[in-house]
Amino acid sequence: MTIVAAHVGGRPVPVAEVDAREARLRATSPAASLPLAGTSEGRQLRRWLTQLIVTERVVIAEAARLGVSSAGAPGIDEVLPDVSARLEIGSVTAAVLSDPLARALFVYVTAYVAVSDDDVADYHARNPMRFATGTRGTRRPRGWQNPAPPPSLQQVRTAITEHLLAAAQRRAFRNWLDTRRADLVKLAPGFEHPGDPRQPDNVHRH
């Protein structure tokens, strides 16, 4: 009898697959960077790996359903350009987006996302120096001396639009993927989401 960690769309994810993924991770990562097996933190690692596996399966299933292929997928740096973007979208989704198929699905799912002129203008009003270039004057203990004036909205409109659009796309994809996981994934006891407050290893410690 096969012991399962989860089902995705009714199809089982064997515990052996989680075991194999953990073994590969431990074989390729410094031991000091990973929690000991069998500890609370070690079980949390297995829960995270389970989330990664089921999310990969959701991506494959949804790409097939929507007719999406990996052809023409953007590079990872186009989707997740920096650490902030990776933190914003979540560690599991960021890991899944290393696959071109997931990035192609990202493009498909977020094709409708747009930002309005009002959004751009409001952002510039709240962050007038966010995309300023060139000198900002001289830094002094009490602030800037002779700071350059902020750029006009017209000068930074394109940069702000791209910034807001990228953030909105990441948010939309994360929310969409969360919904599809909730619809398709059923986790077995012991393989709950790491952040599930009902599982015994989700204990905040100081």
N, C-alpha and C. Protein backbone atom coordinates (compact mmCIF):
# COMPACT_ATOMS: atom_id res chain seq x y z
N MET A 1 0.84 -1.20 0.00
CA MET A 1 0.00 0.00 0.00
C MET A 1 0.88 1.25 0.00
N THR A 2 0.58 2.17 -0.93
CA THR A 2 1.35 3.40 -1.03
C THR A 2 0.85 4.42 -0.01
N ILE A 3 1.76 4.94 0.80
CA ILE A 3 1.42 5.98 1.77
C ILE A 3 1.55 7.32 1.06
N VAL A 4 0.51 8.13 1.17
CA VAL A 4 0.50 9.39 0.44
C VAL A 4 0.65 10.59 1.36
N ALA A 5 1.29 11.62 0.84
CA ALA A 5 1.44 12.89 1.56
C ALA A 5 0.34 13.86 1.19
N ALA A 6 -0.20 13.69 -0.02
CA ALA A 6 -1.23 14.62 -0.50
C ALA A 6 -1.89 14.03 -1.75
N HIS A 7 -2.99 14.65 -2.14
CA HIS A 7 -3.61 14.38 -3.44
C HIS A 7 -3.72 15.71 -4.18
N VAL A 8 -3.47 15.68 -5.47
CA VAL A 8 -3.62 16.86 -6.31
C VAL A 8 -4.57 16.50 -7.44
N GLY A 9 -5.74 17.10 -7.42
CA GLY A 9 -6.74 16.74 -8.41
C GLY A 9 -7.12 15.28 -8.33
N GLY A 10 -7.08 14.71 -7.12
CA GLY A 10 -7.42 13.31 -6.93
C GLY A 10 -6.27 12.35 -7.14
N ARG A 11 -5.13 12.84 -7.62
CA ARG A 11 -3.98 11.96 -7.87
C ARG A 11 -3.02 12.01 -6.69
N PRO A 12 -2.54 10.84 -6.25
CA PRO A 12 -1.72 10.80 -5.03
C PRO A 12 -0.31 11.32 -5.23
N VAL A 13 0.21 11.93 -4.18
CA VAL A 13 1.62 12.28 -4.09
C VAL A 13 2.22 11.36 -3.03
N PRO A 14 2.97 10.35 -3.41
CA PRO A 14 3.51 9.41 -2.42
C PRO A 14 4.49 10.07 -1.45
N VAL A 15 4.48 9.60 -0.24
CA VAL A 15 5.47 10.07 0.73
C VAL A 15 6.87 9.81 0.21
N ALA A 16 7.03 8.72 -0.55
CA ALA A 16 8.34 8.41 -1.12
C ALA A 16 8.87 9.55 -1.99
N GLU A 17 7.97 10.29 -2.62
CA GLU A 17 8.41 11.42 -3.45
C GLU A 17 8.94 12.56 -2.57
N VAL A 18 8.31 12.77 -1.42
CA VAL A 18 8.81 13.76 -0.47
C VAL A 18 10.15 13.31 0.08
N ASP A 19 10.26 12.01 0.39
CA ASP A 19 11.53 11.46 0.89
C ASP A 19 12.65 11.70 -0.12
N ALA A 20 12.35 11.43 -1.39
CA ALA A 20 13.37 11.58 -2.43
C ALA A 20 13.78 13.03 -2.60
N ARG A 21 12.81 13.94 -2.53
CA ARG A 21 13.13 15.36 -2.66
C ARG A 21 13.98 15.84 -1.48
N GLU A 22 13.65 15.37 -0.30
CA GLU A 22 14.44 15.74 0.87
C GLU A 22 15.86 15.18 0.76
N ALA A 23 15.97 13.94 0.31
CA ALA A 23 17.30 13.32 0.17
C ALA A 23 18.16 14.10 -0.82
N ARG A 24 17.58 14.53 -1.94
CA ARG A 24 18.33 15.31 -2.92
C ARG A 24 18.77 16.65 -2.32
N LEU A 25 17.88 17.27 -1.58
CA LEU A 25 18.21 18.56 -0.96
C LEU A 25 19.35 18.40 0.02
N ARG A 26 19.28 17.35 0.86
CA ARG A 26 20.33 17.14 1.86
C ARG A 26 21.65 16.73 1.22
N ALA A 27 21.59 16.12 0.05
CA ALA A 27 22.81 15.71 -0.63
C ALA A 27 23.51 16.88 -1.32
N THR A 28 22.76 17.96 -1.58
CA THR A 28 23.33 19.08 -2.34
C THR A 28 23.46 20.36 -1.53
N SER A 29 23.03 20.35 -0.28
CA SER A 29 23.10 21.55 0.56
C SER A 29 23.99 21.29 1.76
N PRO A 30 24.70 22.31 2.25
CA PRO A 30 25.52 22.13 3.46
C PRO A 30 24.63 21.69 4.63
N ALA A 31 25.11 20.74 5.39
CA ALA A 31 24.31 20.19 6.49
C ALA A 31 23.91 21.27 7.49
N ALA A 32 24.80 22.24 7.70
CA ALA A 32 24.52 23.28 8.69
C ALA A 32 23.38 24.20 8.27
N SER A 33 23.04 24.21 6.97
CA SER A 33 21.99 25.10 6.49
C SER A 33 20.60 24.48 6.58
N LEU A 34 20.53 23.20 6.96
CA LEU A 34 19.25 22.50 7.02
C LEU A 34 18.98 21.98 8.42
N PRO A 35 17.72 21.92 8.82
CA PRO A 35 17.40 21.38 10.15
C PRO A 35 17.63 19.87 10.20
N LEU A 36 17.86 19.35 11.39
CA LEU A 36 18.06 17.91 11.54
C LEU A 36 16.76 17.17 11.25
N ALA A 37 16.89 16.04 10.61
CA ALA A 37 15.73 15.20 10.33
C ALA A 37 15.11 14.71 11.64
N GLY A 38 13.79 14.67 11.67
CA GLY A 38 13.09 14.16 12.84
C GLY A 38 12.78 15.21 13.89
N THR A 39 13.38 16.40 13.76
CA THR A 39 13.07 17.48 14.68
C THR A 39 11.83 18.23 14.19
N SER A 40 11.33 19.14 15.03
CA SER A 40 10.19 19.96 14.63
C SER A 40 10.52 20.74 13.36
N GLU A 41 11.71 21.32 13.32
CA GLU A 41 12.13 22.08 12.14
C GLU A 41 12.31 21.17 10.93
N GLY A 42 12.78 19.95 11.17
CA GLY A 42 12.93 18.99 10.08
C GLY A 42 11.58 18.61 9.48
N ARG A 43 10.58 18.45 10.34
CA ARG A 43 9.23 18.14 9.84
C ARG A 43 8.65 19.32 9.07
N GLN A 44 8.98 20.54 9.52
CA GLN A 44 8.52 21.72 8.80
C GLN A 44 9.15 21.79 7.41
N LEU A 45 10.42 21.39 7.32
CA LEU A 45 11.08 21.33 6.01
C LEU A 45 10.33 20.37 5.09
N ARG A 46 9.94 19.21 5.61
CA ARG A 46 9.21 18.25 4.78
C ARG A 46 7.84 18.81 4.36
N ARG A 47 7.22 19.56 5.24
CA ARG A 47 5.95 20.20 4.86
C ARG A 47 6.18 21.21 3.73
N TRP A 48 7.28 21.97 3.84
CA TRP A 48 7.58 22.93 2.78
C TRP A 48 7.84 22.21 1.46
N LEU A 49 8.60 21.13 1.51
CA LEU A 49 8.87 20.36 0.29
C LEU A 49 7.58 19.78 -0.29
N THR A 50 6.66 19.38 0.57
CA THR A 50 5.37 18.89 0.09
C THR A 50 4.62 19.99 -0.63
N GLN A 51 4.65 21.22 -0.05
CA GLN A 51 4.02 22.36 -0.72
C GLN A 51 4.64 22.60 -2.09
N LEU A 52 5.95 22.47 -2.17
CA LEU A 52 6.63 22.67 -3.44
C LEU A 52 6.19 21.62 -4.46
N ILE A 53 6.12 20.37 -4.05
CA ILE A 53 5.74 19.29 -4.96
C ILE A 53 4.31 19.47 -5.45
N VAL A 54 3.39 19.74 -4.52
CA VAL A 54 1.98 19.86 -4.95
C VAL A 54 1.80 21.09 -5.81
N THR A 55 2.54 22.16 -5.54
CA THR A 55 2.42 23.36 -6.37
C THR A 55 2.95 23.10 -7.76
N GLU A 56 4.03 22.37 -7.87
CA GLU A 56 4.54 21.98 -9.19
C GLU A 56 3.49 21.20 -9.96
N ARG A 57 2.79 20.31 -9.27
CA ARG A 57 1.75 19.51 -9.94
C ARG A 57 0.56 20.37 -10.34
N VAL A 58 0.20 21.32 -9.49
CA VAL A 58 -0.89 22.24 -9.84
C VAL A 58 -0.52 23.03 -11.10
N VAL A 59 0.71 23.50 -11.17
CA VAL A 59 1.16 24.25 -12.34
C VAL A 59 1.06 23.39 -13.60
N ILE A 60 1.52 22.15 -13.52
CA ILE A 60 1.46 21.27 -14.69
C ILE A 60 0.02 21.03 -15.10
N ALA A 61 -0.84 20.75 -14.14
CA ALA A 61 -2.25 20.47 -14.44
C ALA A 61 -2.94 21.69 -15.03
N GLU A 62 -2.70 22.86 -14.45
CA GLU A 62 -3.36 24.07 -14.92
C GLU A 62 -2.83 24.51 -16.28
N ALA A 63 -1.55 24.33 -16.52
CA ALA A 63 -0.99 24.66 -17.83
C ALA A 63 -1.63 23.78 -18.90
N ALA A 64 -1.80 22.50 -18.60
CA ALA A 64 -2.45 21.60 -19.55
C ALA A 64 -3.90 22.00 -19.78
N ARG A 65 -4.61 22.34 -18.72
CA ARG A 65 -6.01 22.73 -18.84
C ARG A 65 -6.18 24.00 -19.67
N LEU A 66 -5.25 24.93 -19.52
CA LEU A 66 -5.35 26.23 -20.18
C LEU A 66 -4.63 26.27 -21.53
N GLY A 67 -3.97 25.18 -21.88
CA GLY A 67 -3.27 25.13 -23.15
C GLY A 67 -1.99 25.96 -23.18
N VAL A 68 -1.33 26.07 -22.05
CA VAL A 68 -0.10 26.87 -21.93
C VAL A 68 1.12 25.96 -22.06
N SER A 69 2.09 26.38 -22.85
CA SER A 69 3.36 25.65 -22.95
C SER A 69 4.48 26.57 -22.50
N SER A 70 5.66 26.01 -22.35
CA SER A 70 6.80 26.79 -21.87
C SER A 70 7.43 27.65 -22.96
N ALA A 71 6.98 27.50 -24.19
CA ALA A 71 7.55 28.25 -25.30
C ALA A 71 7.38 29.75 -25.07
N GLY A 72 8.47 30.47 -25.24
CA GLY A 72 8.42 31.92 -25.10
C GLY A 72 8.33 32.43 -23.68
N ALA A 73 8.57 31.56 -22.70
CA ALA A 73 8.50 32.00 -21.30
C ALA A 73 9.55 33.06 -21.02
N PRO A 74 9.22 34.07 -20.22
CA PRO A 74 10.22 35.08 -19.86
C PRO A 74 11.28 34.49 -18.94
N GLY A 75 12.39 35.17 -18.83
CA GLY A 75 13.43 34.74 -17.91
C GLY A 75 13.01 34.95 -16.47
N ILE A 76 13.64 34.24 -15.57
CA ILE A 76 13.29 34.34 -14.15
C ILE A 76 13.50 35.76 -13.64
N ASP A 77 14.51 36.47 -14.13
CA ASP A 77 14.77 37.82 -13.65
C ASP A 77 13.71 38.81 -14.11
N GLU A 78 12.99 38.48 -15.16
CA GLU A 78 11.90 39.35 -15.62
C GLU A 78 10.69 39.22 -14.71
N VAL A 79 10.50 38.05 -14.14
CA VAL A 79 9.35 37.80 -13.27
C VAL A 79 9.68 38.13 -11.82
N LEU A 80 10.88 37.73 -11.38
CA LEU A 80 11.32 37.98 -10.01
C LEU A 80 12.67 38.68 -10.06
N PRO A 81 12.65 40.01 -10.20
CA PRO A 81 13.90 40.74 -10.44
C PRO A 81 14.80 40.91 -9.23
N ASP A 82 14.26 40.75 -8.01
CA ASP A 82 15.08 41.00 -6.83
C ASP A 82 14.55 40.22 -5.63
N VAL A 83 15.25 40.35 -4.52
CA VAL A 83 14.87 39.63 -3.30
C VAL A 83 13.50 40.06 -2.81
N SER A 84 13.20 41.33 -2.92
CA SER A 84 11.89 41.83 -2.46
C SER A 84 10.76 41.15 -3.22
N ALA A 85 10.93 40.97 -4.51
CA ALA A 85 9.90 40.31 -5.32
C ALA A 85 9.72 38.86 -4.90
N ARG A 86 10.82 38.20 -4.58
CA ARG A 86 10.74 36.80 -4.14
C ARG A 86 10.05 36.68 -2.78
N LEU A 87 10.36 37.59 -1.89
CA LEU A 87 9.70 37.57 -0.58
C LEU A 87 8.21 37.88 -0.73
N GLU A 88 7.90 38.80 -1.59
CA GLU A 88 6.52 39.22 -1.81
C GLU A 88 5.65 38.09 -2.33
N ILE A 89 6.20 37.28 -3.22
CA ILE A 89 5.39 36.23 -3.85
C ILE A 89 5.39 34.94 -3.04
N GLY A 90 6.33 34.80 -2.10
CA GLY A 90 6.39 33.61 -1.25
C GLY A 90 7.44 32.62 -1.73
N SER A 91 8.05 31.91 -0.78
CA SER A 91 9.19 31.05 -1.11
C SER A 91 8.82 29.89 -2.01
N VAL A 92 7.64 29.28 -1.80
CA VAL A 92 7.24 28.14 -2.63
C VAL A 92 6.99 28.60 -4.06
N THR A 93 6.21 29.65 -4.23
CA THR A 93 5.91 30.14 -5.57
C THR A 93 7.18 30.62 -6.27
N ALA A 94 8.07 31.28 -5.53
CA ALA A 94 9.33 31.71 -6.12
C ALA A 94 10.13 30.52 -6.62
N ALA A 95 10.15 29.43 -5.83
CA ALA A 95 10.88 28.23 -6.25
C ALA A 95 10.25 27.60 -7.49
N VAL A 96 8.93 27.57 -7.53
CA VAL A 96 8.23 26.98 -8.68
C VAL A 96 8.49 27.79 -9.95
N LEU A 97 8.61 29.10 -9.80
CA LEU A 97 8.82 29.95 -10.97
C LEU A 97 10.21 29.79 -11.59
N SER A 98 11.05 28.96 -11.01
CA SER A 98 12.31 28.62 -11.68
C SER A 98 12.07 27.78 -12.93
N ASP A 99 10.87 27.19 -13.03
CA ASP A 99 10.49 26.37 -14.17
C ASP A 99 9.88 27.27 -15.26
N PRO A 100 10.37 27.19 -16.50
CA PRO A 100 9.81 28.01 -17.58
C PRO A 100 8.30 27.82 -17.77
N LEU A 101 7.79 26.61 -17.53
CA LEU A 101 6.35 26.39 -17.69
C LEU A 101 5.57 27.24 -16.69
N ALA A 102 6.05 27.34 -15.46
CA ALA A 102 5.39 28.17 -14.46
C ALA A 102 5.44 29.64 -14.86
N ARG A 103 6.55 30.08 -15.43
CA ARG A 103 6.65 31.48 -15.85
C ARG A 103 5.74 31.77 -17.04
N ALA A 104 5.59 30.81 -17.93
CA ALA A 104 4.64 30.98 -19.04
C ALA A 104 3.21 31.06 -18.51
N LEU A 105 2.92 30.24 -17.52
CA LEU A 105 1.59 30.28 -16.89
C LEU A 105 1.38 31.63 -16.19
N PHE A 106 2.42 32.14 -15.56
CA PHE A 106 2.38 33.46 -14.93
C PHE A 106 1.95 34.51 -15.94
N VAL A 107 2.57 34.49 -17.12
CA VAL A 107 2.23 35.46 -18.17
C VAL A 107 0.78 35.31 -18.59
N TYR A 108 0.32 34.07 -18.76
CA TYR A 108 -1.06 33.82 -19.20
C TYR A 108 -2.06 34.31 -18.15
N VAL A 109 -1.81 33.96 -16.91
CA VAL A 109 -2.76 34.27 -15.84
C VAL A 109 -2.83 35.77 -15.58
N THR A 110 -1.72 36.47 -15.76
CA THR A 110 -1.68 37.89 -15.40
C THR A 110 -1.83 38.81 -16.61
N ALA A 111 -2.20 38.26 -17.75
CA ALA A 111 -2.30 39.08 -18.97
C ALA A 111 -3.31 40.20 -18.83
N TYR A 112 -4.32 40.02 -18.00
CA TYR A 112 -5.38 41.02 -17.84
C TYR A 112 -4.99 42.15 -16.92
N VAL A 113 -3.91 42.01 -16.15
CA VAL A 113 -3.58 42.97 -15.10
C VAL A 113 -3.13 44.30 -15.72
N ALA A 114 -3.63 45.38 -15.16
CA ALA A 114 -3.27 46.71 -15.63
C ALA A 114 -3.24 47.67 -14.45
N VAL A 115 -2.57 48.78 -14.63
CA VAL A 115 -2.59 49.85 -13.62
C VAL A 115 -3.11 51.11 -14.29
N SER A 116 -3.84 51.90 -13.56
CA SER A 116 -4.47 53.10 -14.12
C SER A 116 -3.54 54.30 -14.02
N ASP A 117 -3.88 55.34 -14.79
CA ASP A 117 -3.13 56.59 -14.71
C ASP A 117 -3.22 57.18 -13.31
N ASP A 118 -4.37 57.01 -12.67
CA ASP A 118 -4.53 57.52 -11.31
C ASP A 118 -3.60 56.80 -10.35
N ASP A 119 -3.45 55.47 -10.53
CA ASP A 119 -2.52 54.70 -9.69
C ASP A 119 -1.10 55.25 -9.81
N VAL A 120 -0.71 55.51 -11.05
CA VAL A 120 0.65 56.03 -11.30
C VAL A 120 0.84 57.40 -10.68
N ALA A 121 -0.14 58.28 -10.87
CA ALA A 121 -0.05 59.63 -10.32
C ALA A 121 -0.03 59.61 -8.79
N ASP A 122 -0.87 58.77 -8.20
CA ASP A 122 -0.90 58.67 -6.73
C ASP A 122 0.43 58.18 -6.19
N TYR A 123 1.01 57.19 -6.87
CA TYR A 123 2.30 56.65 -6.41
C TYR A 123 3.37 57.73 -6.47
N HIS A 124 3.38 58.49 -7.56
CA HIS A 124 4.40 59.55 -7.69
C HIS A 124 4.22 60.62 -6.63
N ALA A 125 2.97 60.95 -6.30
CA ALA A 125 2.71 61.95 -5.28
C ALA A 125 3.21 61.49 -3.91
N ARG A 126 3.10 60.19 -3.65
CA ARG A 126 3.53 59.65 -2.35
C ARG A 126 5.02 59.35 -2.31
N ASN A 127 5.63 59.13 -3.49
CA ASN A 127 7.04 58.75 -3.55
C ASN A 127 7.76 59.57 -4.63
N PRO A 128 7.84 60.88 -4.47
CA PRO A 128 8.33 61.73 -5.55
C PRO A 128 9.78 61.48 -5.96
N MET A 129 10.58 60.93 -5.04
CA MET A 129 11.99 60.71 -5.35
C MET A 129 12.31 59.25 -5.66
N ARG A 130 11.29 58.40 -5.71
CA ARG A 130 11.52 56.95 -5.84
C ARG A 130 12.33 56.62 -7.09
N PHE A 131 12.08 57.28 -8.19
CA PHE A 131 12.78 56.96 -9.43
C PHE A 131 13.63 58.13 -9.92
N ALA A 132 14.04 58.98 -8.98
CA ALA A 132 14.91 60.09 -9.34
C ALA A 132 16.28 59.56 -9.76
N THR A 133 16.88 60.21 -10.73
CA THR A 133 18.22 59.84 -11.18
C THR A 133 19.13 61.04 -11.03
N GLY A 134 20.43 60.80 -11.06
CA GLY A 134 21.38 61.89 -10.92
C GLY A 134 21.58 62.27 -9.46
N THR A 135 22.18 63.41 -9.25
CA THR A 135 22.53 63.82 -7.89
C THR A 135 21.31 64.21 -7.07
N ARG A 136 21.35 63.87 -5.80
CA ARG A 136 20.31 64.28 -4.86
C ARG A 136 20.85 65.31 -3.88
N GLY A 137 21.97 65.91 -4.22
CA GLY A 137 22.56 66.89 -3.31
C GLY A 137 23.60 66.24 -2.41
N THR A 138 23.88 66.88 -1.31
CA THR A 138 24.91 66.42 -0.38
C THR A 138 24.25 65.92 0.90
N ARG A 139 24.61 64.73 1.33
CA ARG A 139 24.05 64.16 2.56
C ARG A 139 24.71 64.79 3.78
N ARG A 140 23.89 65.33 4.68
CA ARG A 140 24.36 65.92 5.91
C ARG A 140 23.67 65.23 7.09
N PRO A 141 24.26 65.35 8.33
CA PRO A 141 23.64 64.70 9.49
C PRO A 141 22.17 65.08 9.68
N ARG A 142 21.81 66.28 9.29
CA ARG A 142 20.43 66.73 9.48
C ARG A 142 19.59 66.63 8.21
N GLY A 143 20.09 65.91 7.22
CA GLY A 143 19.32 65.72 6.00
C GLY A 143 20.11 66.13 4.77
N TRP A 144 19.40 66.28 3.65
CA TRP A 144 20.05 66.62 2.39
C TRP A 144 20.25 68.13 2.28
N GLN A 145 21.44 68.52 1.80
CA GLN A 145 21.72 69.93 1.54
C GLN A 145 21.67 70.15 0.03
N ASN A 146 20.93 71.13 -0.39
CA ASN A 146 20.78 71.42 -1.81
C ASN A 146 20.30 70.20 -2.61
N PRO A 147 19.23 69.55 -2.15
CA PRO A 147 18.76 68.38 -2.89
C PRO A 147 18.20 68.78 -4.25
N ALA A 148 18.35 67.90 -5.22
CA ALA A 148 17.79 68.15 -6.53
C ALA A 148 16.27 68.05 -6.44
N PRO A 149 15.55 68.79 -7.26
CA PRO A 149 14.08 68.70 -7.23
C PRO A 149 13.63 67.32 -7.73
N PRO A 150 12.49 66.86 -7.27
CA PRO A 150 12.00 65.57 -7.75
C PRO A 150 11.66 65.62 -9.23
N PRO A 151 11.79 64.51 -9.90
CA PRO A 151 11.43 64.49 -11.32
C PRO A 151 9.92 64.68 -11.49
N SER A 152 9.54 65.15 -12.65
CA SER A 152 8.11 65.31 -12.93
C SER A 152 7.49 63.94 -13.17
N LEU A 153 6.18 63.90 -13.06
CA LEU A 153 5.46 62.66 -13.33
C LEU A 153 5.76 62.16 -14.73
N GLN A 154 5.81 63.07 -15.69
CA GLN A 154 6.06 62.67 -17.07
C GLN A 154 7.42 62.00 -17.23
N GLN A 155 8.41 62.49 -16.46
CA GLN A 155 9.75 61.93 -16.57
C GLN A 155 9.84 60.49 -16.06
N VAL A 156 9.03 60.15 -15.08
CA VAL A 156 9.14 58.83 -14.44
C VAL A 156 7.89 57.97 -14.65
N ARG A 157 6.99 58.42 -15.49
CA ARG A 157 5.74 57.67 -15.68
C ARG A 157 5.98 56.22 -16.10
N THR A 158 6.88 56.02 -17.05
CA THR A 158 7.13 54.66 -17.55
C THR A 158 7.71 53.77 -16.45
N ALA A 159 8.66 54.30 -15.69
CA ALA A 159 9.29 53.51 -14.63
C ALA A 159 8.27 53.15 -13.55
N ILE A 160 7.43 54.10 -13.17
CA ILE A 160 6.42 53.82 -12.15
C ILE A 160 5.40 52.81 -12.66
N THR A 161 4.98 52.97 -13.89
CA THR A 161 4.00 52.03 -14.46
C THR A 161 4.55 50.62 -14.47
N GLU A 162 5.80 50.46 -14.89
CA GLU A 162 6.40 49.13 -14.91
C GLU A 162 6.52 48.56 -13.51
N HIS A 163 6.89 49.39 -12.56
CA HIS A 163 7.03 48.95 -11.17
C HIS A 163 5.69 48.49 -10.60
N LEU A 164 4.65 49.29 -10.78
CA LEU A 164 3.33 48.94 -10.24
C LEU A 164 2.74 47.74 -10.96
N LEU A 165 2.93 47.67 -12.27
CA LEU A 165 2.39 46.54 -13.03
C LEU A 165 3.03 45.23 -12.60
N ALA A 166 4.34 45.23 -12.43
CA ALA A 166 5.04 44.01 -12.01
C ALA A 166 4.55 43.54 -10.65
N ALA A 167 4.37 44.48 -9.71
CA ALA A 167 3.89 44.12 -8.38
C ALA A 167 2.46 43.59 -8.44
N ALA A 168 1.62 44.23 -9.26
CA ALA A 168 0.23 43.78 -9.40
C ALA A 168 0.16 42.40 -10.04
N GLN A 169 1.03 42.11 -10.98
CA GLN A 169 1.06 40.79 -11.61
C GLN A 169 1.49 39.72 -10.62
N ARG A 170 2.50 40.01 -9.82
CA ARG A 170 2.92 39.02 -8.82
C ARG A 170 1.80 38.75 -7.82
N ARG A 171 1.12 39.79 -7.41
CA ARG A 171 0.02 39.64 -6.46
C ARG A 171 -1.12 38.82 -7.07
N ALA A 172 -1.43 39.10 -8.34
CA ALA A 172 -2.51 38.38 -9.01
C ALA A 172 -2.16 36.90 -9.18
N PHE A 173 -0.92 36.62 -9.55
CA PHE A 173 -0.54 35.21 -9.74
C PHE A 173 -0.53 34.47 -8.42
N ARG A 174 -0.01 35.10 -7.38
CA ARG A 174 0.01 34.47 -6.06
C ARG A 174 -1.42 34.14 -5.60
N ASN A 175 -2.32 35.09 -5.76
CA ASN A 175 -3.71 34.86 -5.34
C ASN A 175 -4.38 33.77 -6.18
N TRP A 176 -4.11 33.79 -7.48
CA TRP A 176 -4.68 32.75 -8.36
C TRP A 176 -4.16 31.37 -7.98
N LEU A 177 -2.85 31.28 -7.75
CA LEU A 177 -2.26 29.99 -7.41
C LEU A 177 -2.76 29.49 -6.06
N ASP A 178 -2.92 30.40 -5.10
CA ASP A 178 -3.48 30.02 -3.80
C ASP A 178 -4.88 29.42 -3.97
N THR A 179 -5.68 30.04 -4.83
CA THR A 179 -7.04 29.56 -5.07
C THR A 179 -7.04 28.19 -5.73
N ARG A 180 -6.18 27.99 -6.71
CA ARG A 180 -6.13 26.70 -7.41
C ARG A 180 -5.60 25.60 -6.49
N ARG A 181 -4.65 25.93 -5.63
CA ARG A 181 -4.18 24.94 -4.66
C ARG A 181 -5.30 24.56 -3.71
N ALA A 182 -6.04 25.54 -3.24
CA ALA A 182 -7.16 25.25 -2.32
C ALA A 182 -8.19 24.35 -2.98
N ASP A 183 -8.39 24.52 -4.28
CA ASP A 183 -9.38 23.72 -5.00
C ASP A 183 -8.89 22.31 -5.31
N LEU A 184 -7.59 22.16 -5.56
CA LEU A 184 -7.07 20.91 -6.10
C LEU A 184 -6.31 20.05 -5.10
N VAL A 185 -5.79 20.65 -4.03
CA VAL A 185 -4.85 19.93 -3.16
C VAL A 185 -5.54 19.51 -1.86
N LYS A 186 -5.31 18.27 -1.49
CA LYS A 186 -5.73 17.76 -0.19
C LYS A 186 -4.51 17.16 0.48
N LEU A 187 -4.13 17.72 1.63
CA LEU A 187 -2.92 17.30 2.32
C LEU A 187 -3.24 16.25 3.39
N ALA A 188 -2.37 15.27 3.52
CA ALA A 188 -2.54 14.23 4.54
C ALA A 188 -2.04 14.74 5.89
N PRO A 189 -2.54 14.18 6.98
CA PRO A 189 -2.04 14.55 8.31
C PRO A 189 -0.53 14.37 8.39
N GLY A 190 0.13 15.35 8.98
CA GLY A 190 1.58 15.33 9.06
C GLY A 190 2.25 16.07 7.92
N PHE A 191 1.46 16.41 6.88
CA PHE A 191 2.01 17.12 5.73
C PHE A 191 1.24 18.41 5.48
N GLU A 192 0.68 18.96 6.55
CA GLU A 192 -0.07 20.21 6.43
C GLU A 192 0.86 21.34 5.99
N HIS A 193 0.25 22.45 5.61
CA HIS A 193 1.04 23.64 5.27
C HIS A 193 1.88 24.02 6.48
N PRO A 194 3.15 24.42 6.28
CA PRO A 194 3.99 24.78 7.42
C PRO A 194 3.38 25.86 8.31
N GLY A 195 2.60 26.74 7.73
CA GLY A 195 2.02 27.82 8.50
C GLY A 195 0.64 27.53 9.07
N ASP A 196 0.15 26.31 8.88
CA ASP A 196 -1.16 25.95 9.39
C ASP A 196 -1.12 25.96 10.92
N PRO A 197 -1.91 26.82 11.57
CA PRO A 197 -1.84 26.89 13.03
C PRO A 197 -2.33 25.64 13.75
N ARG A 198 -2.99 24.75 13.01
CA ARG A 198 -3.53 23.55 13.64
C ARG A 198 -2.50 22.43 13.75
N GLN A 199 -1.41 22.53 13.02
CA GLN A 199 -0.43 21.45 13.07
C GLN A 199 0.55 21.70 14.22
N PRO A 200 1.02 20.65 14.88
CA PRO A 200 1.75 20.80 16.14
C PRO A 200 3.12 21.45 16.04
N ASP A 201 3.72 21.46 14.85
CA ASP A 201 5.06 22.05 14.72
C ASP A 201 5.03 23.54 14.41
N ASN A 202 3.85 24.09 14.22
CA ASN A 202 3.74 25.51 13.97
C ASN A 202 3.64 26.24 15.31
N VAL A 203 4.77 26.32 15.98
CA VAL A 203 4.84 26.92 17.31
C VAL A 203 5.82 28.08 17.27
N HIS A 204 5.35 29.25 17.65
CA HIS A 204 6.24 30.42 17.66
C HIS A 204 7.14 30.36 18.89
N ARG A 205 8.43 30.41 18.64
CA ARG A 205 9.39 30.33 19.74
C ARG A 205 10.25 31.59 19.77
N HIS A 206 10.67 31.98 20.96
CA HIS A 206 11.59 33.11 21.12
C HIS A 206 12.95 32.59 21.56
